[in-house]
Each structure stands twice: as C-alpha cells, then as structure tokens.
Amino acid sequence: MEELNKGYLRLNWARERMDVIAQIRKRFIEEKPLKGIKIAMALHVEAKTGVFAILLKEGGADLRMASCNPLSSDDSVVESLKSDFGMEVFARKGETEKEYYEYLNKALDIGPNIIIDDGGDLTKIVHTERTDLLPNIIGGNEETTTGVVRLFAMEKQGVLKFPMFDVNDAQMKHLFDNRYGTGQSTLDGFMNATNVLIAGKRVIVAGYGWCGRGIAMRMKGMGALVTVTEIDPVKAVEAAMDGFEVKRMNSAIRDADYVITATGMKDVVAYDDLLVAKKNVILANSGHFNNELPVSVLENRSLERKMVRENVVKYRLENGNEVNVIADGRLVNLAAGQGHPVEIMDMSFALQALVAEYLAKNHRKLERKVYPVPREIDDEVARIKLSALGIGIDRLTEEQIRYADEWKEGT
C-alpha cells in the first residue's frame, strides 16, 4: 500500500466513526461560523486530528497545523492532508528540535486569530518571540494537562495576553479522553513497542490523575500487579481504595518490571531511582514532555546506549544496571502507537471545534484569563454522543423542577 493511500484510508476510517463530529459538520458547512478566522494549530498530527482540521476548514477557517510533539506525527496522514485536502501542514515523525520549532513558527506565520494548542508551546512562542502576532489573537484553547498548568501559571503572573479555554478539564474530555483514551492507547503503544506479557508483571503507574487512573485500570485488567506513586495525598488515598498498592517511587521501582509515567511534571523518575531499579526495567511515558523520565541524564551518564528493538533503547548505567526506554521517553501512545481510539477523540475534538466557534462569536466579552469550557458546550457534545449511541435519558418533569426548588417542605 502506498504511503499516501494509507493516510487517506486512515482519515476516512476515522471520519466514518466520528459521529459527533459528523453532526457538527452538517451545521458548520451550512453556517460557516469560522469564516474569516485564521487558526494556528499545534496538535498530534494523526488521523483523528486530521478529521478535526478538515472540520474547521469546512466551517470556514483558514488554518495551518504543526505537530506538538517531535515523534507523534503520522507521516502518511500528513501527506494525505496536504495532497488530498489542500491543507498547510508542517510536521513529520522524528523532527529534530530545530525542525520542531521551525514548524511551530510556520504555523504561526498565518497570523492567527485563534490558537489551538496541545502542551502550550504555541502560546509560549507568541508571548515571548512572536509578540507582533498578539494584536490579532482573540483567544484559543488548550487540550492537555501540561499546557493548562502553564496557562494557569501565566494567568497567576498576570502575563496572559488573551483568553484561553481549558478544554482538558471539560467533563466530556477528562472523563473519557484522559481515562479511557489514555488507558487504552498507552497499553496499545506499550505492547506494540515491546511485545511483552502484562499478566503477572509488576507495573508502576506514576500519577493517579485521570490519565493515571485509566492506565492503572487497563493494566490491572490485563492481569498486572499495579503500584501507584503520587504526591497528592487525596489521590493516593483514592488509589489505595481502588485496590492499588501505593508506594514511593524509589521503593516501588526496586521490583517493578515496567514503569509508566503520566503526570505532566518533570523528574518523576530520577536517575538515582534507576540505579536501584530492577534490572531490565522498561520505562514509558504517557505525559506530554519526555522530561518525566531522566532521558537527558541517561544520555550523558550511561556507559552504553544500544537500540534493542524498534522504539526501545537500552542504557547500561554506571553501576552496571540496565534499563530500557521506549520512544526516547516521548508519548508512548503516539510515538509507538496510533493514539487514542477514534470514538474518544471524536468527543474531544468536538469540544475543541465548538469552543473555537464560541470564541469567534463571544471573544469581545472575554477577559485575559483561563476559562472553563461552557457547560452548554459540554452538554451539547454529551447529547450528540448519546444520540449516536442510540441512548435516551429521562428529563425532570415540571413538578420535579418545582420540588427541587422547594426548601420549606420536608417531603
């Protein structure tokens, strides 16, 4: 199969299974709510993202897209988007650091009105190196934990120059994308990269946020003995009550077969942890940046570095211990897999599309701060999804509504 055909087929396969996007598309094509809007996007450039980009274009937007991660692009999809859909896409799998930032800047060269970001790099660049673009930007959305943390830091410091929407914490995003999407796609990427058995193995899941919950749940379902590491006492209690062992990393890693990080924080696994780790432990990261694992330290201090399998590098440490790292510590579900399931990203990208429309219509009312996704958008996506599933739900009667507002009567 030619590479171009493969990308086109992947896009069509995804498009046929994205029922929420399909419903929004009908209205976008008719109403063109994004007509005249220029959008710069930095996302994982694969099939589901491609369908999202096509939707925005069908809604009237002029857009350019770059990758938000050097290893997450699907080259076949990139080529199909350019050749078959006439889109301006700047991405390839295996980008150098120089190329990565060049491509982000090429996306910004469109002179965007709206930024759609994953991880916050586009937002950072326009606030630091490309401040000339700021007058034209009416706002944007951010879809992942790492980027949202950056945004709240910018808002707190008073440096955020335009409104941004926190799509990551929308109900129809984190409850499904972060939990079921990350859970399944992390397992998929890990197994694709390693072809090892999960059942009976000791697995550390670092972080028990929504992504960590999903990964722990899927690993447990495959028969793994799961240990959770945390810094948040509430999440640690939750993990314990969900039936997982909870330990400190330096203790848990001593007999762990696999470690998967999902925190959005750097140095979750320290080099000193690896010195006492079980020999041949396999390390993977499902957080946005690869600094959750000590990859740069391993590169500088290891006695030997050897590729042992496609997407897996073995390092021999100073004390003779050996550890394996998947995909240079990049997002395992995309660098070694195909990302979240189609039906999951259908809901997440539907939120993104409707938030872009909301920005186009309401930006003059918004302040320079981080906003939650409006409840009506969350509910609209949920209703469309239920319809696609063939599920009906009850509604409160007028009498029930009056009863809920009554505070005098006890019965």
Protein backbone atom coordinates (compact mmCIF):
# COMPACT_ATOMS: atom_id res chain seq x y z
CA MET A 1 0.00 0.00 0.00
CA GLU A 2 1.42 3.37 -0.95
CA GLU A 3 2.07 5.74 1.95
CA LEU A 4 -0.30 8.35 0.56
CA ASN A 5 -3.14 5.84 0.21
CA LYS A 6 -2.54 4.62 3.76
CA GLY A 7 -3.00 8.12 5.14
CA TYR A 8 -6.16 8.71 3.11
CA LEU A 9 -7.62 5.41 4.27
CA ARG A 10 -6.79 6.20 7.90
CA LEU A 11 -8.51 9.57 7.62
CA ASN A 12 -11.61 8.03 6.08
CA TRP A 13 -11.68 5.22 8.64
CA ALA A 14 -11.61 7.78 11.45
CA ARG A 15 -14.12 10.08 9.77
CA GLU A 16 -16.68 7.30 9.40
CA ARG A 17 -16.51 6.60 13.15
CA MET A 18 -16.62 10.16 14.47
CA ASP A 19 -20.38 10.55 14.86
CA VAL A 20 -20.28 13.69 16.99
CA ILE A 21 -18.03 15.48 14.51
CA ALA A 22 -20.36 14.35 11.72
CA GLN A 23 -23.33 16.08 13.38
CA ILE A 24 -21.36 19.30 13.91
CA ARG A 25 -20.09 19.15 10.34
CA LYS A 26 -23.60 19.45 8.92
CA ARG A 27 -24.12 22.77 10.69
CA PHE A 28 -20.58 24.06 10.09
CA ILE A 29 -20.85 23.50 6.34
CA GLU A 30 -24.16 25.37 6.25
CA GLU A 31 -23.39 28.23 8.66
CA LYS A 32 -19.62 28.73 8.18
CA PRO A 33 -19.19 30.01 11.77
CA LEU A 34 -15.40 30.33 11.36
CA LYS A 35 -15.45 32.25 8.09
CA GLY A 36 -12.62 34.76 8.03
CA ILE A 37 -10.94 33.24 11.10
CA LYS A 38 -7.27 32.25 10.87
CA ILE A 39 -6.25 29.36 13.11
CA ALA A 40 -2.78 28.12 14.08
CA MET A 41 -2.81 24.59 15.49
CA ALA A 42 -0.16 22.52 17.26
CA LEU A 43 -1.54 19.03 17.83
CA HIS A 44 -0.52 15.42 17.33
CA VAL A 45 -0.87 15.15 13.57
CA GLU A 46 -2.62 11.83 13.02
CA ALA A 47 -5.91 10.66 11.56
CA LYS A 48 -8.34 11.95 14.20
CA THR A 49 -6.60 15.33 14.32
CA GLY A 50 -6.81 15.43 10.54
CA VAL A 51 -10.58 14.95 10.65
CA PHE A 52 -10.79 17.80 13.18
CA ALA A 53 -8.71 20.09 10.97
CA ILE A 54 -10.90 19.27 7.97
CA LEU A 55 -13.99 20.17 10.05
CA LEU A 56 -12.55 23.59 10.91
CA LYS A 57 -11.77 24.21 7.26
CA GLU A 58 -15.30 23.17 6.29
CA GLY A 59 -16.53 25.66 8.88
CA GLY A 60 -14.81 28.46 7.01
CA ALA A 61 -11.47 28.70 8.83
CA ASP A 62 -8.11 29.29 7.18
CA LEU A 63 -5.60 27.21 9.13
CA ARG A 64 -2.09 25.93 9.43
CA MET A 65 -1.07 22.97 11.54
CA ALA A 66 2.17 21.80 13.13
CA SER A 67 2.94 18.93 15.45
CA CYS A 68 3.04 19.42 19.22
CA ASN A 69 5.49 16.55 19.66
CA PRO A 70 8.53 15.53 17.58
CA LEU A 71 7.57 11.83 17.46
CA SER A 72 3.78 11.86 17.29
CA SER A 73 3.08 12.63 13.62
CA ASP A 74 1.73 10.04 11.21
CA ASP A 75 3.62 10.85 8.00
CA SER A 76 1.03 9.11 5.83
CA VAL A 77 -1.72 11.32 7.26
CA VAL A 78 0.41 14.46 6.89
CA GLU A 79 0.91 13.73 3.20
CA SER A 80 -2.77 12.98 2.62
CA LEU A 81 -3.88 16.19 4.35
CA LYS A 82 -1.58 18.17 2.10
CA SER A 83 -2.21 16.33 -1.16
CA ASP A 84 -5.85 15.28 -0.86
CA PHE A 85 -7.28 18.10 1.24
CA GLY A 86 -5.07 21.05 0.32
CA MET A 87 -4.06 21.79 3.90
CA GLU A 88 -0.92 23.52 5.11
CA VAL A 89 0.70 21.05 7.50
CA PHE A 90 4.23 21.27 8.88
CA ALA A 91 5.10 18.02 10.63
CA ARG A 92 7.00 14.77 10.31
CA LYS A 93 7.72 11.89 12.63
CA GLY A 94 11.18 12.25 14.12
CA GLU A 95 11.55 16.03 13.94
CA THR A 96 14.77 17.49 15.24
CA GLU A 97 14.42 20.15 17.93
CA LYS A 98 15.28 22.79 15.33
CA GLU A 99 12.63 21.48 12.93
CA TYR A 100 10.06 21.29 15.71
CA TYR A 101 10.29 25.00 16.45
CA GLU A 102 10.60 25.91 12.77
CA TYR A 103 7.32 24.12 12.09
CA LEU A 104 5.58 25.80 15.01
CA ASN A 105 6.65 29.17 13.67
CA LYS A 106 5.47 28.29 10.17
CA ALA A 107 2.04 27.55 11.61
CA LEU A 108 2.10 30.93 13.35
CA ASP A 109 3.10 32.67 10.13
CA ILE A 110 -0.57 32.54 9.16
CA GLY A 111 -1.12 35.43 11.60
CA PRO A 112 -3.68 33.59 13.72
CA ASN A 113 -6.85 34.89 15.32
CA ILE A 114 -7.26 31.66 17.28
CA ILE A 115 -4.63 29.29 18.68
CA ILE A 116 -5.42 25.62 19.24
CA ASP A 117 -2.63 24.23 21.39
CA ASP A 118 -1.53 20.98 23.00
CA GLY A 119 1.18 21.46 25.59
CA GLY A 120 1.39 25.24 25.39
CA ASP A 121 4.29 25.76 23.00
CA LEU A 122 2.38 27.93 20.51
CA THR A 123 1.08 30.04 23.37
CA LYS A 124 4.58 30.38 24.82
CA ILE A 125 6.07 31.44 21.48
CA VAL A 126 3.53 34.22 20.85
CA HIS A 127 4.10 35.54 24.37
CA THR A 128 7.88 35.57 24.03
CA GLU A 129 9.31 35.50 20.49
CA ARG A 130 6.33 36.43 18.28
CA THR A 131 4.67 39.21 20.26
CA ASP A 132 3.93 41.01 16.99
CA LEU A 133 1.13 38.48 16.50
CA LEU A 134 -0.66 39.31 19.77
CA PRO A 135 -2.92 42.15 18.49
CA ASN A 136 -4.70 39.80 16.08
CA ILE A 137 -5.26 36.90 18.53
CA ILE A 138 -8.75 36.77 20.03
CA GLY A 139 -8.08 33.65 22.11
CA GLY A 140 -7.51 29.95 21.98
CA ASN A 141 -7.93 26.52 23.55
CA GLU A 142 -5.55 24.14 25.28
CA GLU A 143 -6.27 20.43 25.39
CA THR A 144 -3.78 18.83 27.75
CA THR A 145 -2.80 18.96 31.41
CA THR A 146 0.74 20.22 30.79
CA GLY A 147 -0.47 23.16 28.76
CA VAL A 148 -3.23 24.04 31.22
CA VAL A 149 -0.72 24.12 34.08
CA ARG A 150 1.33 26.60 32.05
CA LEU A 151 -1.75 28.73 31.34
CA PHE A 152 -2.75 29.00 34.99
CA ALA A 153 0.84 29.98 35.84
CA MET A 154 0.70 32.71 33.17
CA GLU A 155 -2.66 33.95 34.45
CA LYS A 156 -1.41 34.00 38.04
CA GLN A 157 1.64 36.01 36.99
CA GLY A 158 -0.51 38.45 35.01
CA VAL A 159 1.21 37.81 31.67
CA LEU A 160 -1.55 36.04 29.71
CA LYS A 161 -2.45 38.33 26.81
CA PHE A 162 -5.66 36.75 25.53
CA PRO A 163 -8.43 34.44 26.79
CA MET A 164 -7.72 30.71 26.70
CA PHE A 165 -10.14 27.85 27.25
CA ASP A 166 -9.18 24.87 29.39
CA VAL A 167 -10.54 22.06 27.22
CA ASN A 168 -8.58 19.46 29.19
CA ASP A 169 -10.85 19.79 32.23
CA ALA A 170 -14.14 19.75 30.34
CA GLN A 171 -16.38 16.91 31.54
CA MET A 172 -16.59 15.32 28.10
CA LYS A 173 -12.80 15.46 27.80
CA HIS A 174 -11.14 14.35 31.01
CA LEU A 175 -13.76 11.77 31.98
CA PHE A 176 -13.31 9.93 28.68
CA ASP A 177 -10.23 11.11 26.75
CA ASN A 178 -7.87 11.14 29.71
CA ARG A 179 -9.22 7.99 31.33
CA TYR A 180 -10.43 5.63 28.62
CA GLY A 181 -8.43 7.15 25.75
CA THR A 182 -5.08 7.30 27.54
CA GLY A 183 -5.71 4.00 29.28
CA GLN A 184 -6.25 2.08 26.04
CA SER A 185 -3.77 3.92 23.83
CA THR A 186 -0.96 3.70 26.39
CA LEU A 187 -1.43 -0.04 26.63
CA ASP A 188 -1.52 -0.23 22.83
CA GLY A 189 1.70 1.76 22.40
CA PHE A 190 3.49 -0.12 25.17
CA MET A 191 2.61 -3.54 23.78
CA ASN A 192 3.35 -2.51 20.21
CA ALA A 193 6.81 -1.34 21.25
CA THR A 194 7.68 -4.32 23.45
CA ASN A 195 5.54 -7.39 22.69
CA VAL A 196 5.89 -8.42 26.35
CA LEU A 197 3.39 -10.05 28.69
CA ILE A 198 1.40 -7.83 31.05
CA ALA A 199 -0.24 -10.52 33.20
CA GLY A 200 1.59 -11.21 36.45
CA LYS A 201 4.09 -8.36 35.96
CA ARG A 202 4.65 -5.57 38.45
CA VAL A 203 3.76 -2.22 36.91
CA ILE A 204 4.24 1.23 38.41
CA VAL A 205 1.82 3.94 37.27
CA ALA A 206 3.24 7.32 38.28
CA GLY A 207 0.39 9.73 38.88
CA TYR A 208 -3.25 8.97 39.67
CA GLY A 209 -4.95 11.78 37.81
CA TRP A 210 -7.47 10.90 35.12
CA CYS A 211 -4.77 9.57 32.80
CA GLY A 212 -3.12 7.55 35.55
CA ARG A 213 -6.48 6.13 36.60
CA GLY A 214 -7.08 4.93 33.06
CA ILE A 215 -3.65 3.35 32.70
CA ALA A 216 -3.86 1.63 36.09
CA MET A 217 -7.32 0.31 35.27
CA ARG A 218 -6.25 -1.12 31.92
CA MET A 219 -3.04 -2.66 33.31
CA LYS A 220 -4.99 -4.25 36.15
CA GLY A 221 -7.49 -5.57 33.62
CA MET A 222 -4.63 -7.28 31.78
CA GLY A 223 -3.54 -9.01 34.98
CA ALA A 224 -0.73 -6.71 36.11
CA LEU A 225 0.14 -6.13 39.76
CA VAL A 226 -0.16 -2.34 39.79
CA THR A 227 1.54 0.07 42.17
CA VAL A 228 0.69 3.79 42.09
CA THR A 229 3.07 6.60 43.06
CA GLU A 230 1.66 10.00 43.96
CA ILE A 231 2.42 13.36 45.60
CA ASP A 232 -1.24 14.25 46.22
CA PRO A 233 -2.50 12.66 49.46
CA VAL A 234 -6.13 12.63 48.30
CA LYS A 235 -5.30 10.85 45.05
CA ALA A 236 -3.08 8.44 46.96
CA VAL A 237 -5.98 7.52 49.24
CA GLU A 238 -8.22 7.11 46.18
CA ALA A 239 -5.68 4.79 44.54
CA ALA A 240 -5.45 2.72 47.71
CA MET A 241 -9.24 2.43 47.96
CA ASP A 242 -9.40 1.48 44.28
CA GLY A 243 -7.32 -1.55 45.25
CA PHE A 244 -3.85 -0.45 44.17
CA GLU A 245 -0.66 -0.59 46.19
CA VAL A 246 0.71 2.92 46.84
CA LYS A 247 4.43 3.48 47.41
CA ARG A 248 7.23 5.97 46.91
CA MET A 249 8.97 5.65 43.55
CA ASN A 250 12.39 4.75 44.95
CA SER A 251 10.88 1.86 46.88
CA ALA A 252 8.44 0.59 44.25
CA ILE A 253 10.91 0.59 41.37
CA ARG A 254 13.17 -1.97 43.04
CA ASP A 255 10.97 -4.86 41.96
CA ALA A 256 8.96 -3.25 39.12
CA ASP A 257 9.03 -4.77 35.65
CA TYR A 258 7.51 -1.74 33.93
CA VAL A 259 7.12 1.94 34.82
CA ILE A 260 4.67 4.28 33.09
CA THR A 261 4.56 7.98 33.96
CA ALA A 262 1.51 10.19 33.44
CA THR A 263 1.90 13.35 35.50
CA GLY A 264 2.89 16.38 33.41
CA MET A 265 5.74 17.00 35.88
CA LYS A 266 9.47 16.61 35.22
CA ASP A 267 11.82 14.18 37.00
CA VAL A 268 9.05 11.82 38.10
CA VAL A 269 11.62 9.04 37.80
CA ALA A 270 15.06 10.21 38.91
CA TYR A 271 18.40 8.81 37.79
CA ASP A 272 19.02 7.65 41.37
CA ASP A 273 15.80 5.63 41.16
CA LEU A 274 17.17 3.81 38.11
CA LEU A 275 20.35 2.88 39.94
CA VAL A 276 18.26 0.75 42.32
CA ALA A 277 15.65 -0.36 39.77
CA LYS A 278 15.08 -3.97 38.86
CA LYS A 279 17.46 -4.94 36.07
CA ASN A 280 15.96 -4.53 32.58
CA VAL A 281 13.00 -2.49 33.81
CA ILE A 282 11.05 -0.99 30.90
CA LEU A 283 10.23 2.72 31.14
CA ALA A 284 7.50 4.51 29.22
CA ASN A 285 5.97 7.96 29.46
CA SER A 286 2.39 8.96 28.72
CA GLY A 287 2.77 12.60 29.78
CA HIS A 288 3.27 15.41 27.30
CA PHE A 289 7.02 16.02 27.62
CA ASN A 290 9.77 13.40 27.83
CA ASN A 291 11.33 15.01 30.91
CA GLU A 292 9.17 12.86 33.18
CA LEU A 293 11.91 10.28 32.64
CA PRO A 294 15.61 11.24 33.07
CA VAL A 295 16.38 10.77 29.37
CA SER A 296 18.93 13.59 29.13
CA VAL A 297 20.78 12.27 32.19
CA LEU A 298 20.79 8.76 30.76
CA GLU A 299 22.25 10.08 27.51
CA ASN A 300 25.03 11.87 29.37
CA ARG A 301 25.91 9.42 32.14
CA SER A 302 25.24 5.94 30.82
CA LEU A 303 28.19 3.72 29.97
CA GLU A 304 26.42 2.27 26.94
CA ARG A 305 23.40 3.09 24.79
CA LYS A 306 22.04 0.41 22.46
CA MET A 307 18.94 0.13 20.30
CA VAL A 308 17.45 -3.25 21.21
CA ARG A 309 14.15 -3.06 19.36
CA GLU A 310 12.40 -0.52 17.18
CA ASN A 311 11.39 2.26 19.59
CA VAL A 312 13.33 0.77 22.53
CA VAL A 313 16.80 1.81 23.73
CA LYS A 314 18.72 0.00 26.48
CA TYR A 315 21.05 2.01 28.74
CA ARG A 316 23.81 0.48 30.88
CA LEU A 317 24.29 2.64 33.95
CA GLU A 318 27.42 3.47 35.91
CA ASN A 319 26.72 0.75 38.48
CA GLY A 320 26.10 -1.86 35.78
CA ASN A 321 22.32 -1.77 36.00
CA GLU A 322 20.38 -1.82 32.71
CA VAL A 323 17.12 -0.02 31.88
CA ASN A 324 15.02 0.19 28.71
CA VAL A 325 13.32 3.38 27.50
CA ILE A 326 10.50 3.39 24.94
CA ALA A 327 10.46 6.09 22.22
CA ASP A 328 13.02 8.37 23.89
CA GLY A 329 10.54 8.95 26.69
CA ARG A 330 8.08 10.63 24.32
CA LEU A 331 4.35 9.96 24.44
CA VAL A 332 4.23 6.18 24.22
CA ASN A 333 0.67 6.08 22.90
CA LEU A 334 1.57 8.15 19.84
CA ALA A 335 5.30 7.63 19.40
CA ALA A 336 4.85 3.85 19.50
CA GLY A 337 1.12 3.58 18.80
CA GLN A 338 -1.71 5.30 16.93
CA GLY A 339 -3.04 7.46 19.74
CA HIS A 340 -6.43 7.44 21.38
CA PRO A 341 -9.33 5.44 19.93
CA VAL A 342 -11.32 7.21 17.23
CA GLU A 343 -14.55 7.44 19.24
CA ILE A 344 -12.74 9.10 22.15
CA MET A 345 -11.12 11.83 20.06
CA ASP A 346 -14.47 12.40 18.37
CA MET A 347 -15.75 13.88 21.62
CA SER A 348 -12.56 15.79 22.46
CA PHE A 349 -12.27 17.42 19.06
CA ALA A 350 -15.98 18.21 19.04
CA LEU A 351 -15.36 20.25 22.18
CA GLN A 352 -12.43 22.00 20.50
CA ALA A 353 -14.49 22.87 17.43
CA LEU A 354 -17.38 24.27 19.44
CA VAL A 355 -15.02 26.27 21.67
CA ALA A 356 -13.43 27.79 18.54
CA GLU A 357 -16.91 28.76 17.36
CA TYR A 358 -17.70 30.21 20.81
CA LEU A 359 -14.52 32.28 20.69
CA ALA A 360 -15.32 33.62 17.24
CA LYS A 361 -18.75 34.77 18.45
CA ASN A 362 -18.01 35.91 22.01
CA HIS A 363 -14.37 36.99 22.20
CA ARG A 364 -15.24 40.67 22.81
CA LYS A 365 -16.86 39.73 26.12
CA LEU A 366 -13.89 37.74 27.40
CA GLU A 367 -11.01 38.81 29.64
CA ARG A 368 -7.38 37.76 29.54
CA LYS A 369 -7.73 34.69 31.68
CA VAL A 370 -8.26 30.93 31.57
CA TYR A 371 -11.89 29.90 31.12
CA PRO A 372 -13.58 26.55 31.60
CA VAL A 373 -15.47 25.13 28.65
CA PRO A 374 -19.03 26.50 28.88
CA ARG A 375 -21.45 23.95 30.34
CA GLU A 376 -23.75 24.24 27.33
CA ILE A 377 -20.92 23.03 25.04
CA ASP A 378 -20.16 20.06 27.32
CA ASP A 379 -23.86 19.18 27.36
CA GLU A 380 -24.24 19.54 23.60
CA VAL A 381 -21.40 17.11 22.96
CA ALA A 382 -22.88 14.69 25.51
CA ARG A 383 -26.32 14.86 23.90
CA ILE A 384 -24.93 14.25 20.41
CA LYS A 385 -22.88 11.31 21.72
CA LEU A 386 -25.92 9.76 23.41
CA SER A 387 -27.88 10.11 20.19
CA ALA A 388 -25.09 8.41 18.25
CA LEU A 389 -25.15 5.56 20.79
CA GLY A 390 -28.91 5.23 20.48
CA ILE A 391 -29.37 6.05 24.16
CA GLY A 392 -32.26 8.07 25.57
CA ILE A 393 -32.31 9.57 29.06
CA ASP A 394 -35.07 10.93 31.29
CA ARG A 395 -35.86 14.59 31.92
CA LEU A 396 -37.22 16.23 35.05
CA THR A 397 -40.92 16.96 34.94
CA GLU A 398 -42.19 20.47 35.78
CA GLU A 399 -43.34 19.12 39.15
CA GLN A 400 -39.87 17.70 39.84
CA ILE A 401 -38.27 21.02 38.92
CA ARG A 402 -40.58 22.83 41.36
CA TYR A 403 -39.82 20.20 44.04
CA ALA A 404 -36.06 20.70 43.60
CA ASP A 405 -36.53 24.43 44.20
CA GLU A 406 -38.70 23.97 47.27
CA TRP A 407 -36.95 24.36 50.64
CA LYS A 408 -39.85 24.64 53.05
CA GLU A 409 -41.36 21.19 52.66
CA GLY A 410 -39.53 18.15 54.01
CA THR A 411 -41.31 15.58 51.85
